[in-house]
Amino acid sequence: MAGKSNGLIRTAFLLSVLLLASACGFPFGVYHTVEPGQTLYNIARVYNVPLEDIEQANNLHSTTDIKPGEKLFIPGAQKTMYVPPTVAVGGGSSVPAGSHNGNHPAPRGQSAPSPAAPHRPPAAGSVSFMWPLRGKILQEFERVNGIKHDGIDIQGPAGAPVFAAASGTVIYSNDTIRGYGNMIIIKHKDGFVSVYAHNSENMVRKGQYVHQGQMIARVGKTGYATAPHLHFEIRLHAMPGNPLDYLPR
């Protein structure tokens, strides 16, 4: 019975990712701020995401490897959710905090973390990004006729090197998201992630730490691309921002 339940959860998760993915944007998840008393198991249950997917996305080695104030990347989630505490703060036995169906709003006086607004440049002392590829911008960050484009498309010759825009840990390196072809997602500090899509070849693996300026891929036209280029995004707490606000002029 447990195996069947886990299978249904995993199926629902994969379907949600496919439904959310589009050719012009990639709402791939959210960041959840761990509150006192929350457990990884209950966080996974509320978001309806397999526990092992959260562990892998955050490089966790055990279900107790979290602490209050830490931000966890929840792959496939559409929005931040309120997770009731299930462990007595300061230790002690498990204390149920009431029933929860995964869609319960935050209690009065407490709100779920709000993602930062897009287009906002990083604060001083935050992540400093470099251009992952030099070339003509084919399409900018914009919304045209109701269709959003959550990054910029940079023209480049097939096989040209793509560089990590900032140091961080690779949390995705695969071609399983429809439309994006070979894609890499790098998690940086302070809630930032960067996205590199349509690559002809990914040269880094999930879980690998990369340094700013390190070659991570080659320009291609995989997925829904019709000509060689790089689709590049910068997101802060899962919200897309205009990469031109973060890149040096």
Protein backbone atom coordinates (compact mmCIF):
# COMPACT_ATOMS: atom_id res chain seq x y z
CA MET A 1 0.00 0.00 0.00
CA ALA A 2 2.87 2.35 0.89
CA GLY A 3 4.57 1.61 -2.43
CA LYS A 4 1.37 2.43 -4.32
CA SER A 5 1.00 5.69 -2.39
CA ASN A 6 4.60 6.68 -3.10
CA GLY A 7 4.06 5.89 -6.76
CA LEU A 8 0.99 8.12 -6.91
CA ILE A 9 2.86 10.96 -5.22
CA ARG A 10 5.76 10.66 -7.65
CA THR A 11 3.39 10.53 -10.64
CA ALA A 12 1.55 13.64 -9.44
CA PHE A 13 4.85 15.42 -8.99
CA LEU A 14 6.10 14.61 -12.48
CA LEU A 15 2.79 15.62 -14.04
CA SER A 16 2.83 18.95 -12.23
CA VAL A 17 6.31 19.69 -13.55
CA LEU A 18 5.27 18.88 -17.11
CA LEU A 19 2.12 20.99 -16.89
CA LEU A 20 3.99 23.97 -15.45
CA ALA A 21 6.87 23.86 -17.90
CA SER A 22 6.44 25.96 -21.03
CA ALA A 23 8.60 27.01 -23.92
CA CYS A 24 9.10 30.49 -22.52
CA GLY A 25 9.45 30.02 -18.76
CA PHE A 26 10.44 27.44 -16.18
CA PRO A 27 8.53 27.60 -12.86
CA PHE A 28 10.62 24.77 -11.46
CA GLY A 29 9.99 25.16 -7.73
CA VAL A 30 10.05 27.44 -4.70
CA TYR A 31 12.17 28.03 -1.64
CA HIS A 32 10.70 27.14 1.76
CA THR A 33 12.09 28.75 4.92
CA VAL A 34 12.31 26.18 7.70
CA GLU A 35 10.48 27.25 10.87
CA PRO A 36 11.08 25.87 14.40
CA GLY A 37 9.38 22.52 14.90
CA GLN A 38 9.08 21.65 11.20
CA THR A 39 10.42 18.32 9.95
CA LEU A 40 11.59 17.37 6.49
CA TYR A 41 9.00 14.61 6.40
CA ASN A 42 6.11 17.00 7.06
CA ILE A 43 7.47 19.58 4.62
CA ALA A 44 7.49 16.90 1.91
CA ARG A 45 3.95 15.81 2.88
CA VAL A 46 2.51 19.35 2.75
CA TYR A 47 4.10 20.14 -0.61
CA ASN A 48 3.20 16.66 -1.91
CA VAL A 49 6.76 16.17 -3.17
CA PRO A 50 8.72 12.93 -2.61
CA LEU A 51 11.05 13.21 0.36
CA GLU A 52 14.03 11.90 -1.59
CA ASP A 53 13.56 14.59 -4.28
CA ILE A 54 13.89 17.34 -1.65
CA GLU A 55 16.91 15.61 -0.11
CA GLN A 56 18.63 15.35 -3.50
CA ALA A 57 17.80 18.92 -4.54
CA ASN A 58 19.35 20.29 -1.33
CA ASN A 59 22.20 17.79 -0.93
CA LEU A 60 20.83 16.58 2.41
CA HIS A 61 22.33 13.45 3.93
CA SER A 62 19.53 12.66 6.38
CA THR A 63 15.96 13.68 7.22
CA THR A 64 17.23 15.56 10.30
CA ASP A 65 19.77 17.60 8.37
CA ILE A 66 17.76 20.86 8.48
CA LYS A 67 17.58 23.77 10.91
CA PRO A 68 15.29 26.79 11.45
CA GLY A 69 16.00 29.68 9.11
CA GLU A 70 17.41 27.45 6.38
CA LYS A 71 15.92 27.77 2.90
CA LEU A 72 15.00 24.49 1.22
CA PHE A 73 14.45 24.22 -2.52
CA ILE A 74 11.14 22.36 -3.16
CA PRO A 75 11.28 21.03 -6.76
CA GLY A 76 8.03 21.20 -8.70
CA ALA A 77 6.16 23.34 -6.12
CA GLN A 78 4.12 26.27 -7.42
CA LYS A 79 4.00 28.41 -4.27
CA THR A 80 5.22 28.48 -0.69
CA MET A 81 3.00 26.64 1.79
CA TYR A 82 2.45 26.84 5.53
CA VAL A 83 3.83 23.76 7.25
CA PRO A 84 2.58 23.19 10.82
CA PRO A 85 5.24 22.31 13.44
CA THR A 86 5.24 18.67 14.45
CA VAL A 87 8.16 18.61 16.88
CA ALA A 88 8.23 20.40 20.22
CA VAL A 89 10.56 23.38 19.97
CA GLY A 90 13.64 22.84 22.08
CA GLY A 91 13.39 19.04 21.97
CA GLY A 92 10.94 16.58 23.42
CA SER A 93 8.46 14.21 21.90
CA SER A 94 6.60 14.71 18.68
CA VAL A 95 3.61 17.00 19.12
CA PRO A 96 0.93 16.92 16.41
CA ALA A 97 -0.08 20.42 15.41
CA GLY A 98 -3.49 19.59 14.00
CA SER A 99 -4.65 18.19 10.69
CA HIS A 100 -3.41 19.71 7.47
CA ASN A 101 -4.37 18.87 3.90
CA GLY A 102 -1.51 20.69 2.16
CA ASN A 103 -3.63 23.68 1.11
CA HIS A 104 -4.26 25.32 4.47
CA PRO A 105 -3.41 29.04 4.61
CA ALA A 106 -1.04 30.40 7.19
CA PRO A 107 -2.70 31.14 10.55
CA ARG A 108 -3.64 34.71 11.38
CA GLY A 109 -0.61 36.79 12.21
CA GLN A 110 1.75 34.47 10.31
CA SER A 111 2.31 34.47 6.59
CA ALA A 112 4.20 32.23 4.24
CA PRO A 113 7.50 33.61 2.90
CA SER A 114 6.87 36.00 0.02
CA PRO A 115 9.13 35.74 -3.04
CA ALA A 116 10.99 38.87 -4.02
CA ALA A 117 9.55 40.88 -6.88
CA PRO A 118 11.12 40.29 -10.31
CA HIS A 119 13.35 42.92 -11.96
CA ARG A 120 14.88 43.85 -8.59
CA PRO A 121 18.71 43.94 -8.74
CA PRO A 122 20.59 42.10 -5.97
CA ALA A 123 21.50 43.96 -2.82
CA ALA A 124 25.07 45.09 -2.31
CA GLY A 125 27.29 42.26 -1.16
CA SER A 126 25.03 39.62 -2.72
CA VAL A 127 25.79 37.36 -5.71
CA SER A 128 27.83 38.94 -8.50
CA PHE A 129 27.04 37.47 -11.92
CA MET A 130 29.09 37.39 -15.12
CA TRP A 131 27.92 36.79 -18.68
CA PRO A 132 27.63 33.04 -19.39
CA LEU A 133 28.06 33.71 -23.12
CA ARG A 134 28.90 36.77 -25.19
CA GLY A 135 26.65 37.33 -28.16
CA LYS A 136 23.66 39.15 -29.62
CA ILE A 137 20.51 39.06 -27.50
CA LEU A 138 17.85 37.42 -29.64
CA GLN A 139 15.01 37.83 -27.14
CA GLU A 140 14.86 39.82 -23.94
CA PHE A 141 13.04 39.25 -20.66
CA GLU A 142 9.49 40.29 -21.47
CA ARG A 143 5.82 39.41 -21.79
CA VAL A 144 4.46 39.50 -25.33
CA ASN A 145 0.78 38.88 -26.15
CA GLY A 146 0.26 37.22 -22.79
CA ILE A 147 3.25 34.89 -23.27
CA LYS A 148 6.08 35.39 -20.81
CA HIS A 149 9.77 34.95 -21.48
CA ASP A 150 11.49 34.45 -18.14
CA GLY A 151 15.05 34.97 -19.34
CA ILE A 152 17.14 36.16 -22.26
CA ASP A 153 18.21 34.25 -25.38
CA ILE A 154 21.86 34.82 -26.32
CA GLN A 155 23.03 33.94 -29.81
CA GLY A 156 26.17 31.85 -30.12
CA PRO A 157 27.81 29.45 -32.54
CA ALA A 158 27.08 25.77 -32.04
CA GLY A 159 29.58 24.24 -29.66
CA ALA A 160 30.69 27.55 -28.13
CA PRO A 161 31.52 27.29 -24.40
CA VAL A 162 28.90 28.29 -21.82
CA PHE A 163 30.28 29.46 -18.47
CA ALA A 164 28.81 29.44 -14.95
CA ALA A 165 27.54 32.96 -14.26
CA ALA A 166 28.36 32.58 -10.55
CA SER A 167 29.71 29.91 -8.23
CA GLY A 168 27.27 27.38 -6.81
CA THR A 169 25.98 23.81 -6.78
CA VAL A 170 24.39 22.14 -9.79
CA ILE A 171 20.87 21.03 -8.79
CA TYR A 172 19.75 19.92 -12.25
CA SER A 173 21.64 18.67 -15.32
CA ASN A 174 19.40 16.73 -17.66
CA ASP A 175 17.01 16.93 -20.61
CA THR A 176 13.77 15.76 -19.00
CA ILE A 177 11.92 19.11 -19.03
CA ARG A 178 10.05 19.36 -22.31
CA GLY A 179 11.09 22.21 -24.57
CA TYR A 180 14.39 23.10 -22.89
CA GLY A 181 16.58 20.32 -24.23
CA ASN A 182 19.81 19.87 -22.28
CA MET A 183 19.49 22.21 -19.31
CA ILE A 184 21.54 23.07 -16.23
CA ILE A 185 20.33 24.81 -13.06
CA ILE A 186 22.85 26.13 -10.54
CA LYS A 187 21.93 27.07 -6.96
CA HIS A 188 23.85 30.07 -5.62
CA LYS A 189 23.89 31.74 -2.22
CA ASP A 190 21.17 34.09 -0.91
CA GLY A 191 18.33 32.33 -2.77
CA PHE A 192 19.61 32.84 -6.33
CA VAL A 193 19.58 30.22 -9.08
CA SER A 194 20.67 30.47 -12.71
CA VAL A 195 19.34 28.46 -15.66
CA TYR A 196 21.15 27.46 -18.89
CA ALA A 197 19.06 25.74 -21.59
CA HIS A 198 19.17 24.33 -25.16
CA ASN A 199 22.76 23.14 -24.67
CA SER A 200 24.27 20.71 -27.15
CA GLU A 201 26.13 19.13 -24.25
CA ASN A 202 26.01 19.44 -20.46
CA MET A 203 29.49 19.15 -18.99
CA VAL A 204 28.63 19.12 -15.28
CA ARG A 205 26.54 16.74 -13.19
CA LYS A 206 23.92 17.21 -10.50
CA GLY A 207 25.47 17.77 -7.07
CA GLN A 208 28.72 19.15 -8.50
CA TYR A 209 30.08 22.47 -7.18
CA VAL A 210 31.16 24.84 -9.95
CA HIS A 211 33.13 28.07 -9.85
CA GLN A 212 32.23 31.32 -11.57
CA GLY A 213 33.64 31.28 -15.10
CA GLN A 214 33.92 27.50 -15.23
CA MET A 215 32.84 25.93 -18.52
CA ILE A 216 29.63 23.99 -17.87
CA ALA A 217 28.09 23.38 -21.30
CA ARG A 218 28.26 24.00 -25.04
CA VAL A 219 25.82 26.09 -27.07
CA GLY A 220 23.24 24.06 -28.95
CA LYS A 221 19.68 24.02 -30.25
CA THR A 222 18.16 21.13 -28.31
CA GLY A 223 14.54 21.24 -27.15
CA TYR A 224 12.31 23.75 -28.92
CA ALA A 225 15.21 25.87 -30.20
CA THR A 226 15.43 26.36 -33.97
CA ALA A 227 18.93 27.88 -34.03
CA PRO A 228 21.97 27.68 -31.73
CA HIS A 229 21.56 29.94 -28.70
CA LEU A 230 21.57 29.94 -24.91
CA HIS A 231 18.39 30.51 -22.91
CA PHE A 232 19.59 32.08 -19.64
CA GLU A 233 17.60 32.90 -16.51
CA ILE A 234 18.34 34.36 -13.08
CA ARG A 235 15.79 33.70 -10.34
CA LEU A 236 15.61 34.94 -6.76
CA HIS A 237 13.59 32.70 -4.43
CA ALA A 238 12.12 31.04 -7.55
CA MET A 239 10.88 34.33 -9.03
CA PRO A 240 12.35 35.24 -12.44
CA GLY A 241 14.17 38.54 -12.75
CA ASN A 242 15.55 40.35 -15.76
CA PRO A 243 19.10 38.99 -16.18
CA LEU A 244 20.17 42.37 -17.57
CA ASP A 245 19.53 43.84 -14.11
CA TYR A 246 22.18 41.51 -12.69
CA LEU A 247 24.77 41.22 -15.45
CA PRO A 248 27.57 43.78 -15.95
CA ARG A 249 26.91 46.24 -18.75
